[in-house]
Amino acid sequence: MANMEKMYSNEKSVTFTSTYYDAIKNVDALIILTEWNEFRNPDFEKIKKFMNGNIIIDGRNIWNKKDIEEKGFKYEGIGK
């Protein structure tokens, strides 16, 4: 994160947060582009409370479509 902050410190369109929950506050959609373990089992109820919208686009197919949709999200797994 520190390296990215140095590279993009002058970019007004880039925001850095300390948690991924902070990064999704008031967003309309969540796009996940990593398969890191720390993102595999988030608290989807917490995510739903933070987001304005309910769209999740999963670029690495780390989550199960049926499970996510049962939680009230619109889910799209890329490449499926």
N, C-alpha and C. Protein backbone atom coordinates (compact mmCIF):
# COMPACT_ATOMS: atom_id res chain seq x y z
N MET A 1 0.82 -1.19 0.00
CA MET A 1 0.00 0.00 0.00
C MET A 1 0.87 1.26 0.00
N ALA A 2 1.94 1.24 0.77
CA ALA A 2 2.81 2.42 0.85
C ALA A 2 3.38 2.78 -0.52
N ASN A 3 3.79 1.79 -1.29
CA ASN A 3 4.32 2.05 -2.63
C ASN A 3 3.26 2.66 -3.54
N MET A 4 2.05 2.15 -3.46
CA MET A 4 0.96 2.69 -4.28
C MET A 4 0.63 4.12 -3.87
N GLU A 5 0.65 4.38 -2.59
CA GLU A 5 0.38 5.74 -2.12
C GLU A 5 1.42 6.72 -2.64
N LYS A 6 2.69 6.29 -2.69
CA LYS A 6 3.75 7.14 -3.25
C LYS A 6 3.50 7.40 -4.73
N MET A 7 3.14 6.36 -5.46
CA MET A 7 2.94 6.47 -6.91
C MET A 7 1.73 7.34 -7.26
N TYR A 8 0.68 7.28 -6.44
CA TYR A 8 -0.57 7.96 -6.78
C TYR A 8 -0.94 9.07 -5.79
N SER A 9 0.02 9.60 -5.08
CA SER A 9 -0.26 10.60 -4.05
C SER A 9 -0.88 11.87 -4.63
N ASN A 10 -0.62 12.18 -5.87
CA ASN A 10 -1.16 13.40 -6.49
C ASN A 10 -2.47 13.16 -7.23
N GLU A 11 -2.92 11.93 -7.27
CA GLU A 11 -4.16 11.60 -7.97
C GLU A 11 -5.35 11.87 -7.07
N LYS A 12 -6.22 12.77 -7.50
CA LYS A 12 -7.41 13.08 -6.70
C LYS A 12 -8.47 12.00 -6.81
N SER A 13 -8.42 11.19 -7.85
CA SER A 13 -9.44 10.17 -8.06
C SER A 13 -9.12 8.85 -7.36
N VAL A 14 -7.96 8.77 -6.68
CA VAL A 14 -7.57 7.55 -5.97
C VAL A 14 -7.66 7.80 -4.47
N THR A 15 -8.38 6.90 -3.78
CA THR A 15 -8.53 7.00 -2.34
C THR A 15 -7.95 5.74 -1.70
N PHE A 16 -7.17 5.90 -0.67
CA PHE A 16 -6.59 4.78 0.06
C PHE A 16 -7.31 4.63 1.39
N THR A 17 -7.59 3.39 1.77
CA THR A 17 -8.26 3.12 3.03
C THR A 17 -7.49 2.05 3.79
N SER A 18 -7.75 1.98 5.09
CA SER A 18 -7.03 0.99 5.89
C SER A 18 -7.72 -0.37 5.91
N THR A 19 -9.02 -0.42 5.59
CA THR A 19 -9.72 -1.70 5.51
C THR A 19 -10.54 -1.76 4.23
N TYR A 20 -10.83 -2.96 3.78
CA TYR A 20 -11.64 -3.05 2.57
C TYR A 20 -13.08 -2.66 2.84
N TYR A 21 -13.54 -2.74 4.07
CA TYR A 21 -14.88 -2.26 4.38
C TYR A 21 -14.96 -0.74 4.21
N ASP A 22 -13.90 -0.02 4.61
CA ASP A 22 -13.87 1.42 4.40
C ASP A 22 -13.91 1.77 2.92
N ALA A 23 -13.32 0.93 2.11
CA ALA A 23 -13.25 1.20 0.66
C ALA A 23 -14.60 1.08 -0.03
N ILE A 24 -15.56 0.40 0.58
CA ILE A 24 -16.85 0.20 -0.09
C ILE A 24 -17.97 1.07 0.47
N LYS A 25 -17.65 1.99 1.35
CA LYS A 25 -18.69 2.85 1.91
C LYS A 25 -19.31 3.71 0.82
N ASN A 26 -20.63 3.61 0.71
CA ASN A 26 -21.44 4.42 -0.21
C ASN A 26 -21.17 4.15 -1.68
N VAL A 27 -20.68 2.97 -2.02
CA VAL A 27 -20.47 2.64 -3.43
C VAL A 27 -21.70 1.94 -3.99
N ASP A 28 -21.87 2.02 -5.30
CA ASP A 28 -22.99 1.36 -5.96
C ASP A 28 -22.67 -0.07 -6.35
N ALA A 29 -21.39 -0.35 -6.57
CA ALA A 29 -20.98 -1.69 -6.98
C ALA A 29 -19.61 -2.02 -6.41
N LEU A 30 -19.38 -3.31 -6.22
CA LEU A 30 -18.10 -3.80 -5.75
C LEU A 30 -17.52 -4.69 -6.85
N ILE A 31 -16.29 -4.40 -7.23
CA ILE A 31 -15.59 -5.23 -8.23
C ILE A 31 -14.38 -5.82 -7.54
N ILE A 32 -14.32 -7.13 -7.47
CA ILE A 32 -13.19 -7.81 -6.83
C ILE A 32 -12.30 -8.37 -7.92
N LEU A 33 -11.02 -8.01 -7.88
CA LEU A 33 -10.08 -8.42 -8.91
C LEU A 33 -8.88 -9.14 -8.33
N THR A 34 -9.04 -9.71 -7.16
CA THR A 34 -7.96 -10.45 -6.52
C THR A 34 -8.52 -11.72 -5.91
N GLU A 35 -7.66 -12.69 -5.72
CA GLU A 35 -8.09 -13.92 -5.06
C GLU A 35 -7.36 -14.11 -3.74
N TRP A 36 -6.84 -13.02 -3.19
CA TRP A 36 -6.13 -13.11 -1.92
C TRP A 36 -7.05 -13.69 -0.86
N ASN A 37 -6.50 -14.47 0.04
CA ASN A 37 -7.27 -15.13 1.08
C ASN A 37 -8.07 -14.17 1.96
N GLU A 38 -7.54 -12.99 2.21
CA GLU A 38 -8.23 -12.05 3.09
C GLU A 38 -9.57 -11.58 2.53
N PHE A 39 -9.80 -11.80 1.23
CA PHE A 39 -11.06 -11.40 0.61
C PHE A 39 -12.03 -12.56 0.38
N ARG A 40 -11.63 -13.76 0.72
CA ARG A 40 -12.45 -14.94 0.42
C ARG A 40 -13.69 -15.09 1.29
N ASN A 41 -13.66 -14.65 2.52
CA ASN A 41 -14.79 -14.85 3.43
C ASN A 41 -15.19 -13.56 4.15
N PRO A 42 -15.62 -12.56 3.40
CA PRO A 42 -16.00 -11.31 4.05
C PRO A 42 -17.37 -11.44 4.73
N ASP A 43 -17.68 -10.46 5.52
CA ASP A 43 -18.98 -10.37 6.17
C ASP A 43 -19.93 -9.66 5.20
N PHE A 44 -20.72 -10.44 4.45
CA PHE A 44 -21.59 -9.86 3.43
C PHE A 44 -22.71 -9.01 4.01
N GLU A 45 -23.14 -9.28 5.22
CA GLU A 45 -24.14 -8.43 5.86
C GLU A 45 -23.55 -7.04 6.12
N LYS A 46 -22.30 -7.01 6.54
CA LYS A 46 -21.60 -5.75 6.77
C LYS A 46 -21.40 -5.02 5.44
N ILE A 47 -21.02 -5.76 4.41
CA ILE A 47 -20.84 -5.17 3.08
C ILE A 47 -22.15 -4.53 2.62
N LYS A 48 -23.25 -5.23 2.80
CA LYS A 48 -24.55 -4.73 2.36
C LYS A 48 -24.90 -3.42 3.07
N LYS A 49 -24.55 -3.31 4.35
CA LYS A 49 -24.83 -2.10 5.11
C LYS A 49 -24.01 -0.91 4.61
N PHE A 50 -22.77 -1.16 4.20
CA PHE A 50 -21.89 -0.08 3.75
C PHE A 50 -22.22 0.40 2.34
N MET A 51 -22.64 -0.50 1.48
CA MET A 51 -22.86 -0.16 0.07
C MET A 51 -24.21 0.54 -0.13
N ASN A 52 -24.26 1.43 -1.13
CA ASN A 52 -25.54 2.01 -1.57
C ASN A 52 -26.25 1.02 -2.48
N GLY A 53 -25.49 0.42 -3.39
CA GLY A 53 -26.06 -0.53 -4.34
C GLY A 53 -25.87 -1.95 -3.87
N ASN A 54 -26.14 -2.88 -4.80
CA ASN A 54 -26.01 -4.30 -4.43
C ASN A 54 -25.38 -5.14 -5.53
N ILE A 55 -24.57 -4.52 -6.36
CA ILE A 55 -23.94 -5.21 -7.48
C ILE A 55 -22.54 -5.65 -7.10
N ILE A 56 -22.25 -6.93 -7.33
CA ILE A 56 -20.90 -7.46 -7.13
C ILE A 56 -20.44 -8.10 -8.42
N ILE A 57 -19.27 -7.67 -8.89
CA ILE A 57 -18.63 -8.25 -10.07
C ILE A 57 -17.35 -8.93 -9.58
N ASP A 58 -17.31 -10.22 -9.77
CA ASP A 58 -16.21 -11.04 -9.25
C ASP A 58 -15.30 -11.44 -10.41
N GLY A 59 -14.18 -10.75 -10.52
CA GLY A 59 -13.25 -11.00 -11.62
C GLY A 59 -12.37 -12.23 -11.43
N ARG A 60 -12.41 -12.83 -10.26
CA ARG A 60 -11.59 -14.02 -10.00
C ARG A 60 -12.42 -15.24 -9.61
N ASN A 61 -13.75 -15.07 -9.58
CA ASN A 61 -14.67 -16.17 -9.25
C ASN A 61 -14.32 -16.84 -7.92
N ILE A 62 -14.10 -16.01 -6.91
CA ILE A 62 -13.77 -16.55 -5.58
C ILE A 62 -15.02 -16.81 -4.74
N TRP A 63 -16.17 -16.27 -5.17
CA TRP A 63 -17.39 -16.44 -4.41
C TRP A 63 -18.40 -17.25 -5.20
N ASN A 64 -19.34 -17.85 -4.51
CA ASN A 64 -20.37 -18.67 -5.11
C ASN A 64 -21.58 -17.80 -5.46
N LYS A 65 -21.97 -17.81 -6.72
CA LYS A 65 -23.06 -16.96 -7.21
C LYS A 65 -24.34 -17.17 -6.40
N LYS A 66 -24.73 -18.40 -6.18
CA LYS A 66 -25.98 -18.69 -5.47
C LYS A 66 -25.94 -18.12 -4.06
N ASP A 67 -24.83 -18.32 -3.37
CA ASP A 67 -24.69 -17.81 -2.00
C ASP A 67 -24.80 -16.28 -1.95
N ILE A 68 -24.16 -15.63 -2.90
CA ILE A 68 -24.16 -14.16 -2.92
C ILE A 68 -25.55 -13.64 -3.25
N GLU A 69 -26.20 -14.25 -4.24
CA GLU A 69 -27.54 -13.80 -4.62
C GLU A 69 -28.55 -14.04 -3.50
N GLU A 70 -28.39 -15.10 -2.73
CA GLU A 70 -29.27 -15.35 -1.58
C GLU A 70 -29.12 -14.28 -0.50
N LYS A 71 -28.00 -13.59 -0.51
CA LYS A 71 -27.75 -12.51 0.45
C LYS A 71 -28.30 -11.18 -0.07
N GLY A 72 -28.93 -11.18 -1.25
CA GLY A 72 -29.55 -9.97 -1.78
C GLY A 72 -28.73 -9.17 -2.75
N PHE A 73 -27.64 -9.72 -3.24
CA PHE A 73 -26.80 -9.03 -4.21
C PHE A 73 -27.09 -9.49 -5.62
N LYS A 74 -26.78 -8.64 -6.58
CA LYS A 74 -26.75 -9.03 -7.99
C LYS A 74 -25.29 -9.39 -8.26
N TYR A 75 -25.05 -10.61 -8.72
CA TYR A 75 -23.69 -11.14 -8.84
C TYR A 75 -23.37 -11.51 -10.28
N GLU A 76 -22.16 -11.15 -10.70
CA GLU A 76 -21.67 -11.57 -12.02
C GLU A 76 -20.24 -12.05 -11.86
N GLY A 77 -20.00 -13.30 -12.17
CA GLY A 77 -18.65 -13.84 -12.17
C GLY A 77 -18.09 -13.75 -13.58
N ILE A 78 -16.97 -13.11 -13.75
CA ILE A 78 -16.39 -12.93 -15.08
C ILE A 78 -15.84 -14.25 -15.60
N GLY A 79 -16.19 -14.58 -16.82
CA GLY A 79 -15.69 -15.79 -17.46
C GLY A 79 -16.51 -17.02 -17.17
N LYS A 80 -17.65 -16.85 -16.54
CA LYS A 80 -18.50 -18.01 -16.25
C LYS A 80 -19.64 -18.06 -17.22
